[in-house]
C-alpha atoms as a PDB file:
ATOM      1  CA  MET A   1     110.601  63.784  91.239  1.00  0.00           C
ATOM      2  CA  PRO A   2     109.164  66.599  93.389  1.00  0.00           C
ATOM      3  CA  PRO A   3     105.504  66.307  94.429  1.00  0.00           C
ATOM      4  CA  LYS A   4     102.927  68.021  92.268  1.00  0.00           C
ATOM      5  CA  SER A   5     102.154  71.509  93.545  1.00  0.00           C
ATOM      6  CA  ARG A   6      98.790  71.804  95.261  1.00  0.00           C
ATOM      7  CA  THR A   7      96.511  74.649  94.319  1.00  0.00           C
ATOM      8  CA  TYR A   8      94.198  76.454  96.736  1.00  0.00           C
ATOM      9  CA  GLN A   9      90.817  77.920  95.929  1.00  0.00           C
ATOM     10  CA  PRO A  10      91.074  81.704  96.391  1.00  0.00           C
ATOM     11  CA  GLN A  11      87.629  82.221  97.883  1.00  0.00           C
ATOM     12  CA  LYS A  12      88.022  79.395 100.379  1.00  0.00           C
ATOM     13  CA  VAL A  13      91.404  80.715 101.499  1.00  0.00           C
ATOM     14  CA  ARG A  14      90.018  84.218 101.932  1.00  0.00           C
ATOM     15  CA  ALA A  15      87.003  82.990 103.883  1.00  0.00           C
ATOM     16  CA  ALA A  16      89.254  80.885 106.110  1.00  0.00           C
ATOM     17  CA  LEU A  17      91.579  83.794 106.838  1.00  0.00           C
ATOM     18  CA  ALA A  18      88.661  86.064 107.679  1.00  0.00           C
ATOM     19  CA  ALA A  19      87.154  83.459 110.024  1.00  0.00           C
ATOM     20  CA  GLN A  20      90.442  82.619 111.724  1.00  0.00           C
ATOM     21  CA  SER A  21      91.196  86.317 112.209  1.00  0.00           C
ATOM     22  CA  ALA A  22      87.772  86.824 113.777  1.00  0.00           C
ATOM     23  CA  ALA A  23      88.367  83.896 116.159  1.00  0.00           C
ATOM     24  CA  LEU A  24      91.694  85.411 117.211  1.00  0.00           C
ATOM     25  CA  ARG A  25      90.109  88.790 117.772  1.00  0.00           C
ATOM     26  CA  ALA A  26      87.415  87.254 119.992  1.00  0.00           C
ATOM     27  CA  VAL A  27      89.986  85.603 122.261  1.00  0.00           C
ATOM     28  CA  VAL A  28      92.172  88.711 122.461  1.00  0.00           C
ATOM     29  CA  HIS A  29      89.185  90.834 123.478  1.00  0.00           C
ATOM     30  CA  GLY A  30      88.785  88.703 126.606  1.00  0.00           C
ATOM     31  CA  LEU A  31      92.371  88.842 127.865  1.00  0.00           C
ATOM     32  CA  THR A  32      93.229  90.244 131.290  1.00  0.00           C
ATOM     33  CA  ALA A  33      96.347  92.156 132.305  1.00  0.00           C
ATOM     34  CA  ASP A  34      97.750  89.056 134.000  1.00  0.00           C
ATOM     35  CA  GLN A  35      97.175  86.932 130.902  1.00  0.00           C
ATOM     36  CA  LEU A  36      99.008  89.413 128.701  1.00  0.00           C
ATOM     37  CA  ASP A  37     102.159  88.813 130.712  1.00  0.00           C
ATOM     38  CA  LEU A  38     101.942  85.016 130.746  1.00  0.00           C
ATOM     39  CA  PRO A  39     104.950  83.215 129.230  1.00  0.00           C
ATOM     40  CA  THR A  40     104.613  81.327 125.954  1.00  0.00           C
ATOM     41  CA  ARG A  41     106.488  78.360 124.534  1.00  0.00           C
ATOM     42  CA  LEU A  42     108.268  80.761 122.166  1.00  0.00           C
ATOM     43  CA  GLY A  43     111.463  81.577 124.046  1.00  0.00           C
ATOM     44  CA  THR A  44     111.260  84.876 125.894  1.00  0.00           C
ATOM     45  CA  TRP A  45     107.965  85.923 124.342  1.00  0.00           C
ATOM     46  CA  ARG A  46     105.044  86.667 126.607  1.00  0.00           C
ATOM     47  CA  VAL A  47     101.495  86.818 125.286  1.00  0.00           C
ATOM     48  CA  ARG A  48     102.176  90.495 124.506  1.00  0.00           C
ATOM     49  CA  GLU A  49     105.026  89.643 122.130  1.00  0.00           C
ATOM     50  CA  LEU A  50     102.947  86.900 120.559  1.00  0.00           C
ATOM     51  CA  LEU A  51     100.094  89.306 119.857  1.00  0.00           C
ATOM     52  CA  ALA A  52     102.545  91.906 118.574  1.00  0.00           C
ATOM     53  CA  HIS A  53     103.913  89.365 116.105  1.00  0.00           C
ATOM     54  CA  LEU A  54     100.433  88.362 114.968  1.00  0.00           C
ATOM     55  CA  SER A  55      99.521  92.000 114.444  1.00  0.00           C
ATOM     56  CA  LEU A  56     102.566  92.422 112.214  1.00  0.00           C
ATOM     57  CA  ALA A  57     101.990  89.187 110.299  1.00  0.00           C
ATOM     58  CA  LEU A  58      98.359  89.991 109.511  1.00  0.00           C
ATOM     59  CA  GLY A  59      98.389  93.795 109.553  1.00  0.00           C
ATOM     60  CA  ARG A  60     101.000  94.051 106.832  1.00  0.00           C
ATOM     61  CA  LEU A  61      98.801  92.421 104.221  1.00  0.00           C
ATOM     62  CA  PRO A  62      98.122  95.690 102.370  1.00  0.00           C
ATOM     63  CA  ALA A  63     101.818  96.615 102.259  1.00  0.00           C
ATOM     64  CA  ALA A  64     102.708  93.201 100.829  1.00  0.00           C
ATOM     65  CA  LEU A  65     100.038  93.549  98.158  1.00  0.00           C
ATOM     66  CA  ASP A  66     100.918  97.124  97.224  1.00  0.00           C
ATOM     67  CA  ALA A  67     104.703  96.688  96.982  1.00  0.00           C
ATOM     68  CA  PRO A  68     106.190  96.796  93.458  1.00  0.00           C
ATOM     69  CA  ALA A  69     106.676  93.249  92.196  1.00  0.00           C
ATOM     70  CA  PRO A  70     110.403  92.479  91.860  1.00  0.00           C
ATOM     71  CA  ALA A  71     111.874  90.611  88.941  1.00  0.00           C
ATOM     72  CA  GLY A  72     112.995  87.034  89.299  1.00  0.00           C
ATOM     73  CA  PRO A  73     111.389  83.664  90.012  1.00  0.00           C
ATOM     74  CA  VAL A  74     108.143  83.329  91.905  1.00  0.00           C
ATOM     75  CA  LEU A  75     108.415  82.084  95.496  1.00  0.00           C
ATOM     76  CA  SER A  76     106.475  78.866  96.052  1.00  0.00           C
ATOM     77  CA  LEU A  77     104.868  77.790  99.311  1.00  0.00           C
ATOM     78  CA  ALA A  78     107.572  75.175  99.801  1.00  0.00           C
ATOM     79  CA  GLY A  79     110.179  77.847  99.107  1.00  0.00           C
ATOM     80  CA  TYR A  80     108.556  80.102 101.679  1.00  0.00           C
ATOM     81  CA  ALA A  81     108.810  77.300 104.251  1.00  0.00           C
ATOM     82  CA  GLU A  82     112.534  77.058 103.549  1.00  0.00           C
ATOM     83  CA  VAL A  83     113.063  80.823 103.751  1.00  0.00           C
ATOM     84  CA  SER A  84     111.146  81.076 107.019  1.00  0.00           C
ATOM     85  CA  ARG A  85     113.789  78.985 108.759  1.00  0.00           C
ATOM     86  CA  THR A  86     116.275  81.841 108.330  1.00  0.00           C
ATOM     87  CA  MET A  87     114.007  84.581 109.661  1.00  0.00           C
ATOM     88  CA  ALA A  88     113.766  83.760 113.379  1.00  0.00           C
ATOM     89  CA  GLU A  89     116.124  86.485 114.602  1.00  0.00           C
ATOM     90  CA  ALA A  90     114.473  89.233 112.565  1.00  0.00           C
ATOM     91  CA  VAL A  91     110.983  88.095 113.579  1.00  0.00           C
ATOM     92  CA  ASP A  92     111.952  88.090 117.253  1.00  0.00           C
ATOM     93  CA  SER A  93     113.430  91.593 117.022  1.00  0.00           C
ATOM     94  CA  LEU A  94     110.355  93.054 115.322  1.00  0.00           C
ATOM     95  CA  ALA A  95     107.909  91.431 117.743  1.00  0.00           C
ATOM     96  CA  THR A  96     109.907  92.593 120.765  1.00  0.00           C
ATOM     97  CA  GLU A  97     110.016  96.150 119.449  1.00  0.00           C
ATOM     98  CA  GLN A  98     106.296  96.145 118.634  1.00  0.00           C
ATOM     99  CA  ALA A  99     105.425  94.736 122.078  1.00  0.00           C
ATOM    100  CA  ALA A 100     107.403  97.501 123.792  1.00  0.00           C
ATOM    101  CA  THR A 101     105.450 100.202 121.988  1.00  0.00           C
ATOM    102  CA  GLY A 102     101.908  99.465 120.843  1.00  0.00           C
ATOM    103  CA  PHE A 103     101.375  96.416 123.052  1.00  0.00           C
ATOM    104  CA  ALA A 104     102.864  97.597 126.335  1.00  0.00           C
ATOM    105  CA  GLY A 105      99.743  99.085 127.921  1.00  0.00           C
ATOM    106  CA  PRO A 106      96.646  97.764 129.690  1.00  0.00           C
ATOM    107  CA  PRO A 107      94.268  95.271 128.021  1.00  0.00           C
ATOM    108  CA  ALA A 108      92.138  97.979 126.390  1.00  0.00           C
ATOM    109  CA  ALA A 109      95.193  99.479 124.690  1.00  0.00           C
ATOM    110  CA  VAL A 110      96.401  96.064 123.514  1.00  0.00           C
ATOM    111  CA  VAL A 111      92.959  95.238 122.127  1.00  0.00           C
ATOM    112  CA  ALA A 112      92.855  98.558 120.284  1.00  0.00           C
ATOM    113  CA  ALA A 113      96.308  97.983 118.768  1.00  0.00           C
ATOM    114  CA  PHE A 114      95.418  94.429 117.755  1.00  0.00           C
ATOM    115  CA  ASP A 115      92.120  95.553 116.228  1.00  0.00           C
ATOM    116  CA  ARG A 116      93.853  98.238 114.171  1.00  0.00           C
ATOM    117  CA  SER A 117      96.110  95.610 112.653  1.00  0.00           C
ATOM    118  CA  LEU A 118      93.366  93.099 111.956  1.00  0.00           C
ATOM    119  CA  ASP A 119      91.147  95.780 110.449  1.00  0.00           C
ATOM    120  CA  ALA A 120      93.555  95.678 107.491  1.00  0.00           C
ATOM    121  CA  VAL A 121      92.648  92.073 106.727  1.00  0.00           C
ATOM    122  CA  PRO A 122      89.103  92.537 105.334  1.00  0.00           C
ATOM    123  CA  ALA A 123      90.213  95.333 103.009  1.00  0.00           C
ATOM    124  CA  ALA A 124      93.008  93.173 101.620  1.00  0.00           C
ATOM    125  CA  LEU A 125      90.658  90.226 101.152  1.00  0.00           C
ATOM    126  CA  ASP A 126      88.244  92.368  99.148  1.00  0.00           C
ATOM    127  CA  ARG A 127      90.734  92.594  96.294  1.00  0.00           C
ATOM    128  CA  PRO A 128      89.920  90.678  93.091  1.00  0.00           C
ATOM    129  CA  ALA A 129      90.494  86.931  93.296  1.00  0.00           C
ATOM    130  CA  GLY A 130      90.966  84.338  90.614  1.00  0.00           C
ATOM    131  CA  ALA A 131      92.307  86.776  88.028  1.00  0.00           C
ATOM    132  CA  ALA A 132      94.528  85.497  85.229  1.00  0.00           C
ATOM    133  CA  PRO A 133      97.343  86.041  85.881  1.00  0.00           C
ATOM    134  CA  GLU A 134      96.655  86.153  89.602  1.00  0.00           C
ATOM    135  CA  PRO A 135      97.823  89.286  91.454  1.00  0.00           C
ATOM    136  CA  THR A 136     101.024  88.866  93.420  1.00  0.00           C
ATOM    137  CA  ALA A 137     102.240  89.807  96.870  1.00  0.00           C
ATOM    138  CA  VAL A 138     105.793  90.601  97.878  1.00  0.00           C
ATOM    139  CA  VAL A 139     107.349  88.691 100.771  1.00  0.00           C
ATOM    140  CA  VAL A 140     111.039  88.516 101.740  1.00  0.00           C
ATOM    141  CA  GLY A 141     111.875  90.377  98.552  1.00  0.00           C
ATOM    142  CA  ARG A 142     110.197  87.816  96.294  1.00  0.00           C
ATOM    143  CA  ARG A 143     106.813  87.723  94.635  1.00  0.00           C
ATOM    144  CA  MET A 144     104.198  85.101  95.409  1.00  0.00           C
ATOM    145  CA  PRO A 145     100.785  84.453  93.885  1.00  0.00           C
ATOM    146  CA  LEU A 146      98.249  86.245  96.063  1.00  0.00           C
ATOM    147  CA  THR A 147      96.412  83.089  97.141  1.00  0.00           C
ATOM    148  CA  ASP A 148      99.666  81.367  98.121  1.00  0.00           C
ATOM    149  CA  TYR A 149     100.647  84.403 100.168  1.00  0.00           C
ATOM    150  CA  LEU A 150      97.299  84.311 101.937  1.00  0.00           C
ATOM    151  CA  VAL A 151      97.973  80.660 102.784  1.00  0.00           C
ATOM    152  CA  THR A 152     101.176  81.787 104.544  1.00  0.00           C
ATOM    153  CA  ARG A 153      99.046  84.230 106.555  1.00  0.00           C
ATOM    154  CA  LEU A 154      96.794  81.318 107.468  1.00  0.00           C
ATOM    155  CA  VAL A 155      99.877  79.494 108.740  1.00  0.00           C
ATOM    156  CA  GLU A 156     100.682  82.454 110.967  1.00  0.00           C
ATOM    157  CA  ALA A 157      97.095  82.725 112.203  1.00  0.00           C
ATOM    158  CA  VAL A 158      96.681  79.012 112.964  1.00  0.00           C
ATOM    159  CA  VAL A 159     100.124  78.265 114.396  1.00  0.00           C
ATOM    160  CA  HIS A 160     100.148  81.282 116.680  1.00  0.00           C
ATOM    161  CA  ALA A 161      96.525  80.794 117.732  1.00  0.00           C
ATOM    162  CA  ASP A 162      97.674  77.390 118.967  1.00  0.00           C
ATOM    163  CA  ASP A 163     100.585  79.071 120.777  1.00  0.00           C
ATOM    164  CA  LEU A 164      98.114  81.466 122.378  1.00  0.00           C
ATOM    165  CA  ALA A 165      95.826  78.648 123.499  1.00  0.00           C
ATOM    166  CA  GLU A 166      98.761  76.823 125.078  1.00  0.00           C
ATOM    167  CA  ALA A 167      99.901  79.954 126.935  1.00  0.00           C
ATOM    168  CA  LEU A 168      96.391  80.618 128.238  1.00  0.00           C
ATOM    169  CA  GLY A 169      95.824  77.014 129.280  1.00  0.00           C
ATOM    170  CA  LEU A 170      92.887  76.564 126.912  1.00  0.00           C
ATOM    171  CA  ASP A 171      91.839  73.026 126.029  1.00  0.00           C
ATOM    172  CA  ALA A 172      91.598  74.048 122.385  1.00  0.00           C
ATOM    173  CA  PHE A 173      91.466  77.115 120.172  1.00  0.00           C
ATOM    174  CA  PRO A 174      88.341  77.489 117.997  1.00  0.00           C
ATOM    175  CA  HIS A 175      90.222  77.213 114.695  1.00  0.00           C
ATOM    176  CA  ASP A 176      88.319  77.674 111.475  1.00  0.00           C
ATOM    177  CA  ARG A 177      88.094  74.220 109.880  1.00  0.00           C
ATOM    178  CA  GLN A 178      89.142  75.408 106.416  1.00  0.00           C
ATOM    179  CA  ALA A 179      92.081  77.281 107.929  1.00  0.00           C
ATOM    180  CA  LEU A 180      93.229  74.176 109.783  1.00  0.00           C
ATOM    181  CA  ALA A 181      92.877  72.114 106.606  1.00  0.00           C
ATOM    182  CA  ALA A 182      94.886  74.535 104.442  1.00  0.00           C
ATOM    183  CA  VAL A 183      97.726  74.812 106.959  1.00  0.00           C
ATOM    184  CA  THR A 184      97.878  71.038 107.434  1.00  0.00           C
ATOM    185  CA  ARG A 185      98.115  70.503 103.683  1.00  0.00           C
ATOM    186  CA  MET A 186     100.654  73.264 103.132  1.00  0.00           C
ATOM    187  CA  LEU A 187     102.995  71.862 105.792  1.00  0.00           C
ATOM    188  CA  ALA A 188     102.558  68.294 104.551  1.00  0.00           C
ATOM    189  CA  ASP A 189     103.400  69.365 101.001  1.00  0.00           C
ATOM    190  CA  ALA A 190     106.415  71.352 102.223  1.00  0.00           C
ATOM    191  CA  PHE A 191     107.645  68.274 104.070  1.00  0.00           C
ATOM    192  CA  ALA A 192     107.267  66.126 100.946  1.00  0.00           C
ATOM    193  CA  GLU A 193     109.281  68.658  98.940  1.00  0.00           C
ATOM    194  CA  GLN A 194     112.001  69.112 101.561  1.00  0.00           C
ATOM    195  CA  VAL A 195     112.367  65.359 102.130  1.00  0.00           C
ATOM    196  CA  PRO A 196     111.577  63.918  98.697  1.00  0.00           C
ATOM    197  CA  GLY A 197     111.007  60.225  98.228  1.00  0.00           C
ATOM    198  CA  GLY A 198     108.374  57.541  98.471  1.00  0.00           C
ATOM    199  CA  ALA A 199     109.491  55.385 101.385  1.00  0.00           C
ATOM    200  CA  VAL A 200     107.048  56.792 103.942  1.00  0.00           C
ATOM    201  CA  GLU A 201     103.378  57.583 103.647  1.00  0.00           C
ATOM    202  CA  LEU A 202     102.432  60.469 105.933  1.00  0.00           C
ATOM    203  CA  ARG A 203      98.731  60.489 106.757  1.00  0.00           C
ATOM    204  CA  ILE A 204      97.017  63.415 108.473  1.00  0.00           C
ATOM    205  CA  PRO A 205      93.323  62.623 108.303  1.00  0.00           C
ATOM    206  CA  PRO A 206      91.053  64.047 107.171  1.00  0.00           C
ATOM    207  CA  TYR A 207      93.163  66.623 105.336  1.00  0.00           C
ATOM    208  CA  ALA A 208      96.346  65.268 103.775  1.00  0.00           C
ATOM    209  CA  VAL A 209      98.317  62.239 102.600  1.00  0.00           C
ATOM    210  CA  VAL A 210     101.800  62.611 101.104  1.00  0.00           C
ATOM    211  CA  GLN A 211     104.754  60.359 100.341  1.00  0.00           C
ATOM    212  CA  ALA A 212     108.231  61.401 101.388  1.00  0.00           C
ATOM    213  CA  VAL A 213     111.658  60.205 102.641  1.00  0.00           C
ATOM    214  CA  PRO A 214     114.307  58.594 100.421  1.00  0.00           C
ATOM    215  CA  GLY A 215     114.124  54.844  99.964  1.00  0.00           C
ATOM    216  CA  PRO A 216     112.138  52.169  98.172  1.00  0.00           C
ATOM    217  CA  LYS A 217     108.785  53.412  96.948  1.00  0.00           C
ATOM    218  CA  HIS A 218     105.709  51.235  97.328  1.00  0.00           C
ATOM    219  CA  THR A 219     103.337  51.056  94.387  1.00  0.00           C
ATOM    220  CA  ARG A 220     100.465  48.920  95.653  1.00  0.00           C
ATOM    221  CA  GLY A 221      99.023  47.483  98.825  1.00  0.00           C
ATOM    222  CA  THR A 222      99.772  48.660 102.356  1.00  0.00           C
ATOM    223  CA  PRO A 223     102.883  50.882 102.533  1.00  0.00           C
ATOM    224  CA  PRO A 224     105.724  49.378 104.616  1.00  0.00           C
ATOM    225  CA  ASN A 225     106.348  52.684 106.414  1.00  0.00           C
ATOM    226  CA  VAL A 226     103.378  54.706 107.621  1.00  0.00           C
ATOM    227  CA  VAL A 227     103.132  57.741 109.889  1.00  0.00           C
ATOM    228  CA  GLU A 228      99.712  58.918 110.990  1.00  0.00           C
ATOM    229  CA  THR A 229      98.763  61.780 113.260  1.00  0.00           C
ATOM    230  CA  ASP A 230      96.081  64.415 113.768  1.00  0.00           C
ATOM    231  CA  PRO A 231      96.244  67.889 112.182  1.00  0.00           C
ATOM    232  CA  LEU A 232      97.236  69.876 115.276  1.00  0.00           C
ATOM    233  CA  THR A 233      99.948  67.413 116.258  1.00  0.00           C
ATOM    234  CA  TRP A 234     101.330  67.558 112.716  1.00  0.00           C
ATOM    235  CA  ILE A 235     101.336  71.357 112.761  1.00  0.00           C
ATOM    236  CA  ARG A 236     103.166  71.336 116.100  1.00  0.00           C
ATOM    237  CA  LEU A 237     105.728  68.828 114.820  1.00  0.00           C
ATOM    238  CA  ALA A 238     106.274  70.709 111.567  1.00  0.00           C
ATOM    239  CA  THR A 239     106.859  73.998 113.383  1.00  0.00           C
ATOM    240  CA  GLY A 240     109.007  72.641 116.225  1.00  0.00           C
ATOM    241  CA  ARG A 241     106.423  73.102 118.976  1.00  0.00           C
ATOM    242  CA  VAL A 242     106.519  69.403 119.901  1.00  0.00           C
ATOM    243  CA  PRO A 243     109.564  67.111 119.546  1.00  0.00           C
ATOM    244  CA  TRP A 244     109.059  63.971 117.477  1.00  0.00           C
ATOM    245  CA  ALA A 245     110.071  61.615 120.295  1.00  0.00           C
ATOM    246  CA  ALA A 246     107.641  63.241 122.722  1.00  0.00           C
ATOM    247  CA  ALA A 247     104.741  62.999 120.270  1.00  0.00           C
ATOM    248  CA  VAL A 248     105.455  59.302 119.672  1.00  0.00           C
ATOM    249  CA  ALA A 249     105.819  58.593 123.398  1.00  0.00           C
ATOM    250  CA  ASP A 250     102.502  60.330 124.094  1.00  0.00           C
ATOM    251  CA  HIS A 251     100.811  58.244 121.368  1.00  0.00           C
ATOM    252  CA  ARG A 252      99.967  61.345 119.375  1.00  0.00           C
ATOM    253  CA  VAL A 253     101.804  59.798 116.420  1.00  0.00           C
ATOM    254  CA  ASP A 254     101.421  56.243 115.117  1.00  0.00           C
ATOM    255  CA  ALA A 255     104.630  55.325 113.277  1.00  0.00           C
ATOM    256  CA  SER A 256     105.291  51.888 111.781  1.00  0.00           C
ATOM    257  CA  GLY A 257     108.164  50.631 109.653  1.00  0.00           C
ATOM    258  CA  GLU A 258     111.939  50.926 109.852  1.00  0.00           C
ATOM    259  CA  ARG A 259     112.008  54.248 107.972  1.00  0.00           C
ATOM    260  CA  SER A 260     109.118  55.864 109.831  1.00  0.00           C
ATOM    261  CA  ASP A 261     111.188  57.920 112.295  1.00  0.00           C
ATOM    262  CA  LEU A 262     110.801  61.474 110.986  1.00  0.00           C
ATOM    263  CA  GLY A 263     112.615  63.166 113.860  1.00  0.00           C
ATOM    264  CA  GLU A 264     115.712  64.031 111.871  1.00  0.00           C
ATOM    265  CA  TYR A 265     113.669  65.895 109.259  1.00  0.00           C
ATOM    266  CA  LEU A 266     111.633  68.085 111.617  1.00  0.00           C
ATOM    267  CA  PRO A 267     110.826  70.904 112.034  1.00  0.00           C
ATOM    268  CA  ILE A 268     110.329  72.129 108.490  1.00  0.00           C
ATOM    269  CA  LEU A 269     109.151  75.654 109.293  1.00  0.00           C
ATOM    270  CA  GLY A 270     111.001  78.234 111.370  1.00  0.00           C
END
């Protein structure tokens, strides 16, 4: 049986996206020319390409909300995670093209281009929330409930803020706590849906606990197979930033039980 779908509170998601966007903007405003050309852990992308991608991911909010809603089934968050794994080539092409145009100049020009994109976020977040039925957004040709779509934008903002921090050599990025919580939960739920079962209990305190992986399901007492890690390590594992074996070797993951090796199931998001 698939896990029960989690719901997200619209106002909390909107506040988290606004705060995470503001934190990104603050870091970008302090970048130097040398930092813009630093490599990232994302293939051939430099910081410029990373910022170009973020500007596209966040700046297209109004277009996604204004597009005519197509017919057909609604795309769930778990379904979005699956679809994202097929989009890497297109995402790379768009970011490279954007970096060669609007993000190719000196820091002031890059900041201006980034600000123009992020200026679209507040206007989109001002739209009515909690309506019944909830407004929809259009992504990859499918419609999603507006709040779920905003959660996918939180994923972009949190995951790529972490990429930016790694490229810049920062000890940590000042993530919004609610943003980090929502992304942790979304990726945990997607994992539970992609790898259904009850053999392993995945714990990501203080934000999420899910059961997954085929095999005997425990019903009481201490689970025989437990995986526990912190939110950022889980996000990096789920998105392929850190290999499972490396995270275990570095003691960033505590895995116990014969079914607790999750390496074959990761990453879950492209």
